[in-house]
Protein backbone atom coordinates (compact mmCIF):
# COMPACT_ATOMS: atom_id res chain seq x y z
CA MET A 1 43.65 -16.47 30.73
CA ALA A 2 40.07 -17.71 30.97
CA SER A 3 39.14 -16.89 34.53
CA THR A 4 40.57 -16.17 37.97
CA THR A 5 41.03 -18.93 40.55
CA ASP A 6 37.98 -17.86 42.59
CA GLY A 7 35.65 -18.47 39.53
CA ARG A 8 35.06 -14.84 38.74
CA ASN A 9 35.64 -13.38 35.30
CA SER A 10 38.88 -11.57 34.78
CA PRO A 11 38.92 -7.93 33.40
CA TYR A 12 39.94 -9.43 30.05
CA ASP A 13 36.91 -11.80 30.04
CA LYS A 14 34.60 -8.91 30.91
CA THR A 15 35.98 -6.86 28.10
CA MET A 16 35.52 -9.69 25.64
CA LEU A 17 31.96 -10.28 26.82
CA GLY A 18 31.19 -6.61 26.36
CA HIS A 19 32.51 -6.72 22.79
CA GLN A 20 30.46 -9.81 22.07
CA ARG A 21 27.31 -8.15 23.31
CA GLU A 22 28.03 -5.10 21.15
CA LEU A 23 28.58 -7.24 18.09
CA SER A 24 25.41 -9.22 18.79
CA SER A 25 23.33 -6.06 19.19
CA SER A 26 24.88 -4.51 16.09
CA LYS A 27 23.91 -7.58 14.10
CA GLU A 28 20.35 -7.59 15.47
CA ALA A 29 19.77 -3.96 14.58
CA PRO A 30 20.40 -4.35 10.86
CA ALA A 31 18.38 -7.58 10.88
CA PHE A 32 15.43 -5.76 12.43
CA HIS A 33 15.73 -2.89 9.94
CA GLN A 34 15.89 -5.32 7.05
CA ARG A 35 12.78 -7.20 8.28
CA PHE A 36 10.92 -3.93 8.76
CA LYS A 37 11.93 -2.75 5.32
CA ARG A 38 10.83 -6.00 3.74
CA HIS A 39 7.53 -5.71 5.62
CA LEU A 40 6.91 -2.21 4.33
CA THR A 41 7.81 -3.05 0.75
CA SER A 42 5.90 -6.34 0.70
CA GLU A 43 2.53 -6.81 -0.93
CA ILE A 44 -0.49 -6.99 1.39
CA ARG A 45 -2.06 -10.43 1.65
CA VAL A 46 -5.78 -10.69 0.83
CA ASP A 47 -7.36 -12.22 3.94
CA LEU A 48 -10.04 -11.58 6.53
CA LEU A 49 -8.18 -8.56 7.91
CA ALA A 50 -8.04 -6.95 4.47
CA GLU A 51 -11.77 -7.56 4.09
CA THR A 52 -12.40 -5.95 7.47
CA GLU A 53 -10.39 -2.90 6.48
CA LEU A 54 -12.40 -2.46 3.26
CA LEU A 55 -15.66 -2.81 5.24
CA ILE A 56 -14.58 -0.02 7.58
CA LEU A 57 -13.76 2.16 4.58
CA THR A 58 -17.19 1.33 3.20
CA PHE A 59 -18.79 2.42 6.45
CA CYS A 60 -16.90 5.72 6.20
CA THR A 61 -18.15 6.17 2.62
CA GLY A 62 -21.71 5.82 3.79
CA ILE A 63 -21.08 8.51 6.38
CA GLN A 64 -19.75 10.94 3.78
CA ASP A 65 -22.48 10.42 1.19
CA ALA A 66 -25.13 10.84 3.91
CA THR A 67 -23.79 14.34 4.55
CA THR A 68 -22.63 15.57 1.17
CA PHE A 69 -25.97 15.06 -0.62
CA PRO A 70 -28.10 17.19 1.77
CA ASP A 71 -25.35 19.81 2.05
CA TYR A 72 -24.23 20.07 -1.58
CA HIS A 73 -26.87 18.22 -3.62
CA CYS A 74 -24.27 15.77 -4.95
CA PHE A 75 -22.42 12.66 -3.88
CA ALA A 76 -18.73 12.41 -2.99
CA SER A 77 -18.44 8.78 -4.08
CA ASN A 78 -21.65 7.70 -5.90
CA GLN A 79 -20.70 8.70 -9.43
CA THR A 80 -23.63 6.86 -11.00
CA GLY A 81 -25.96 9.32 -9.35
CA ASN A 82 -23.68 12.24 -10.17
CA THR A 83 -23.47 11.28 -13.83
CA VAL A 84 -27.21 11.12 -14.25
CA MET A 85 -27.74 14.33 -12.29
CA LEU A 86 -25.12 16.16 -14.32
CA ALA A 87 -26.85 15.27 -17.58
CA MET A 88 -30.21 16.37 -16.17
CA ALA A 89 -28.75 19.60 -14.75
CA VAL A 90 -27.22 20.52 -18.08
CA LEU A 91 -30.12 19.58 -20.39
CA LEU A 92 -33.04 20.32 -18.08
CA PRO A 93 -32.00 23.33 -15.97
CA GLU A 94 -35.57 24.57 -15.68
CA VAL A 95 -36.65 21.31 -14.05
CA THR A 96 -33.58 20.54 -11.94
CA GLY A 97 -32.48 24.04 -10.95
CA GLU A 98 -33.68 23.69 -7.38
CA LEU A 99 -32.66 20.03 -7.05
CA PHE A 100 -29.09 19.93 -8.33
CA VAL A 101 -26.15 22.34 -8.48
CA THR A 102 -24.34 21.77 -11.75
CA GLN A 103 -20.89 22.98 -10.67
CA ASN A 104 -20.99 20.86 -7.49
CA ILE A 105 -21.81 17.76 -9.45
CA GLY A 106 -19.11 18.53 -12.00
CA VAL A 107 -16.47 19.06 -9.33
CA ALA A 108 -17.36 15.83 -7.58
CA LEU A 109 -17.30 13.79 -10.76
CA GLY A 110 -14.17 15.45 -12.09
CA PHE A 111 -12.08 15.07 -8.94
CA PHE A 112 -13.25 11.51 -8.46
CA LEU A 113 -12.09 10.59 -11.92
CA ALA A 114 -8.83 12.50 -11.53
CA ALA A 115 -8.07 10.60 -8.35
CA GLY A 116 -8.83 7.30 -9.98
CA TRP A 117 -6.54 8.07 -12.89
CA VAL A 118 -3.65 9.31 -10.74
CA THR A 119 -3.90 6.52 -8.17
CA GLY A 120 -4.37 3.81 -10.75
CA GLN A 121 -1.57 4.82 -13.10
CA LEU A 122 0.95 5.41 -10.31
CA GLY A 123 -0.10 2.08 -8.79
CA HIS A 124 0.88 0.33 -12.01
CA ILE A 125 4.35 1.81 -11.67
CA ILE A 126 4.88 1.41 -7.92
CA GLY A 127 2.87 -1.79 -7.35
CA PRO A 128 -0.85 -1.56 -6.64
CA ARG A 129 -0.69 -3.87 -3.60
CA SER A 130 2.54 -2.52 -2.19
CA ARG A 131 2.10 -1.87 1.52
CA LEU A 132 3.92 1.45 1.39
CA TRP A 133 1.82 2.64 -1.50
CA ILE A 134 -1.49 1.60 0.11
CA VAL A 135 -0.53 3.18 3.45
CA PHE A 136 0.63 6.35 1.75
CA CYS A 137 -2.51 6.69 -0.34
CA ASN A 138 -4.81 6.03 2.63
CA LEU A 139 -2.92 8.58 4.70
CA ILE A 140 -3.34 11.19 2.00
CA GLN A 141 -7.05 10.38 1.74
CA SER A 142 -7.47 10.70 5.49
CA LEU A 143 -5.74 14.10 5.45
CA LEU A 144 -7.94 15.35 2.62
CA VAL A 145 -11.05 14.36 4.60
CA PHE A 146 -9.66 16.07 7.74
CA VAL A 147 -9.05 19.26 5.74
CA ALA A 148 -12.63 19.16 4.39
CA ALA A 149 -13.94 18.72 7.93
CA ALA A 150 -11.80 21.59 9.19
CA ILE A 151 -13.18 23.93 6.43
CA GLN A 152 -16.71 23.03 7.50
CA PHE A 153 -15.93 23.56 11.20
CA VAL A 154 -14.43 26.99 10.54
CA TYR A 155 -16.64 28.39 7.77
CA GLY A 156 -19.81 26.31 7.97
CA VAL A 157 -21.61 24.82 4.96
CA ASP A 158 -22.68 26.73 1.85
CA LEU A 159 -24.61 25.32 -1.04
CA GLU A 160 -22.68 27.40 -3.59
CA SER A 161 -19.31 28.99 -2.97
CA GLY A 162 -15.63 28.56 -3.67
CA ARG A 163 -15.17 26.81 -0.35
CA THR A 164 -17.99 24.47 -1.24
CA MET A 165 -16.20 23.26 -4.35
CA ILE A 166 -12.99 22.83 -2.41
CA VAL A 167 -14.72 20.62 0.16
CA ILE A 168 -16.44 18.61 -2.55
CA GLY A 169 -13.20 18.27 -4.48
CA LEU A 170 -11.29 17.01 -1.44
CA LEU A 171 -13.94 14.42 -0.50
CA ALA A 172 -14.40 13.25 -4.07
CA PHE A 173 -10.65 12.92 -4.66
CA ALA A 174 -10.29 10.88 -1.48
CA ALA A 175 -13.21 8.65 -2.55
CA GLY A 176 -11.81 8.08 -6.05
CA SER A 177 -8.40 7.06 -4.71
CA GLN A 178 -10.08 4.77 -2.17
CA VAL A 179 -12.08 2.88 -4.74
CA VAL A 180 -9.01 2.30 -6.90
CA LEU A 181 -7.07 0.92 -3.92
CA SER A 182 -9.91 -1.43 -3.02
CA ARG A 183 -9.77 -2.88 -6.51
CA ALA A 184 -5.99 -3.41 -6.12
CA LEU A 185 -6.73 -5.78 -3.27
CA ALA A 186 -8.78 -7.89 -5.70
CA ILE A 187 -11.77 -8.20 -3.37
CA THR A 188 -14.24 -7.24 -6.08
CA GLU A 189 -17.27 -7.87 -3.88
CA ILE A 190 -16.27 -4.95 -1.59
CA SER A 191 -15.86 -1.85 -3.78
CA THR A 192 -16.22 0.45 -0.73
CA ALA A 193 -18.55 2.74 -2.71
CA MET A 194 -20.97 1.58 -5.40
CA ALA A 195 -23.83 -0.64 -4.12
CA THR A 196 -25.95 -1.28 -7.26
CA ALA A 197 -23.79 -4.08 -8.67
CA ALA A 198 -23.49 -5.64 -5.22
CA TRP A 199 -27.26 -5.74 -4.78
CA VAL A 200 -27.73 -7.38 -8.20
CA ASP A 201 -24.88 -9.84 -7.75
CA LEU A 202 -26.19 -10.82 -4.37
CA LEU A 203 -29.70 -11.51 -5.59
CA VAL A 204 -28.69 -13.46 -8.70
CA ASP A 205 -26.12 -15.63 -6.89
CA PRO A 206 -27.03 -19.28 -7.66
CA ASN A 207 -25.62 -20.31 -4.28
CA LEU A 208 -27.37 -17.56 -2.37
CA PHE A 209 -28.61 -19.91 0.31
CA ALA A 210 -25.65 -22.18 0.51
CA ALA A 211 -24.07 -22.72 3.92
CA LYS A 212 -20.62 -21.64 2.73
CA ASN A 213 -20.37 -18.90 0.16
CA ARG A 214 -17.54 -16.41 0.56
CA PRO A 215 -18.53 -14.04 -2.31
CA ARG A 216 -22.08 -13.86 -0.93
CA ASN A 217 -20.82 -13.12 2.54
CA ARG A 218 -18.58 -10.36 1.24
CA ARG A 219 -21.36 -8.72 -0.70
CA ALA A 220 -23.80 -8.94 2.20
CA SER A 221 -21.21 -7.46 4.57
CA PHE A 222 -20.42 -4.68 2.10
CA LEU A 223 -24.07 -3.72 1.76
CA ALA A 224 -24.62 -3.88 5.52
CA ALA A 225 -21.58 -1.64 6.07
CA ILE A 226 -22.62 1.05 3.56
CA VAL A 227 -26.18 1.10 4.86
CA ALA A 228 -25.04 1.26 8.44
CA GLY A 229 -22.57 4.04 7.54
CA ALA A 230 -25.34 6.01 5.86
CA PHE A 231 -27.65 5.67 8.85
CA PHE A 232 -24.83 6.58 11.24
CA GLY A 233 -23.84 9.54 9.12
CA ALA A 234 -27.42 10.75 8.87
CA GLY A 235 -27.77 10.45 12.67
CA ILE A 236 -24.57 12.43 13.31
CA TYR A 237 -25.59 14.97 10.66
CA ARG A 238 -28.88 15.58 12.44
CA SER A 239 -27.47 15.74 15.96
CA ALA A 240 -24.02 17.27 15.55
CA GLY A 241 -23.76 18.60 11.99
CA SER A 242 -21.98 17.49 8.82
CA ALA A 243 -18.51 18.63 9.96
CA THR A 244 -18.55 16.20 12.85
CA ALA A 245 -19.74 13.39 10.55
CA VAL A 246 -16.99 14.09 8.04
CA LEU A 247 -14.43 14.25 10.87
CA LEU A 248 -15.53 10.81 12.14
CA SER A 249 -15.23 9.49 8.60
CA GLY A 250 -11.66 10.75 8.47
CA VAL A 251 -10.87 9.12 11.81
CA GLY A 252 -12.14 5.80 10.48
CA LYS A 253 -9.97 6.09 7.41
CA LEU A 254 -6.92 6.94 9.54
CA VAL A 255 -7.51 3.86 11.69
CA VAL A 256 -7.56 1.73 8.55
CA THR A 257 -4.33 3.38 7.41
CA LEU A 258 -2.61 2.21 10.58
CA MET A 259 -4.26 -1.23 10.31
CA PHE A 260 -2.63 -1.75 6.91
CA LEU A 261 0.72 -1.85 8.70
CA LEU A 262 -0.42 -4.99 10.48
CA ASN A 263 -1.49 -7.03 7.45
CA LYS A 264 0.52 -10.10 6.72
CA ALA A 265 2.70 -10.06 3.61
CA GLU A 266 1.66 -11.96 0.47
CA ARG A 267 3.33 -15.33 0.27
CA LEU A 268 6.08 -15.54 -2.33
CA GLN A 269 5.45 -18.25 -4.83
CA LYS A 270 8.41 -20.53 -5.46
CA VAL A 271 9.32 -20.80 -9.11
CA GLU A 272 10.70 -24.19 -10.11
CA THR A 273 13.05 -24.27 -13.06
CA THR A 274 14.36 -27.25 -14.96
CA VAL A 275 17.63 -27.40 -16.78
């Protein structure tokens, strides 16, 4: 019985159509879940969007360092400066006593290195460019920055105290993890933190004035982002305080965390075999 004489579907036909729709929707749901799962477990493609995300993180780094140095006499991410200052603070305390705080520098350097080791070694196991891993790490980094900002909002800023070392440790750990993840994306020109090598590589580039030069453009964008972030952070620090600046840095990192969900997946290379 296909249909009634007046052209309308019979109750049997309606029941069959309902079952077909249910089967179709039940097939589409697993297909969507499978695509979403593949998307989350895929490796992030290195493209213009990935570069933009790293530049935003670089901007956030500039904000943080512009506030941590005047507040705590150390850097959250610039470990070249911290290494030199630590040596001076240990060996020349009579000269650097008023300039540097040894325990603050030690905490910043130690937590940065610890984050680099943990993130890097786990990345080797999980997959350094895995979307889930990168999103998870960036989310943790954002939360650490938010906690540091909350401590500053509630208790203010002290040059030397237990809370001071907690704030420094949180920011330095987030920075160390961030730098490791940026290396996982293999965009070496955008480290998100250290500017010295980028300045040198930019100046010695034999194709510095070429019309098309992707590495030069990346380095120049990186340097512009970290300088802009430092100026922005210094301005917020002067007008609204360091807690607000750190909070805005955390917001920027959280935005990048969500952006990583939108990156295209790395193309799978076809492997040809011969028998």
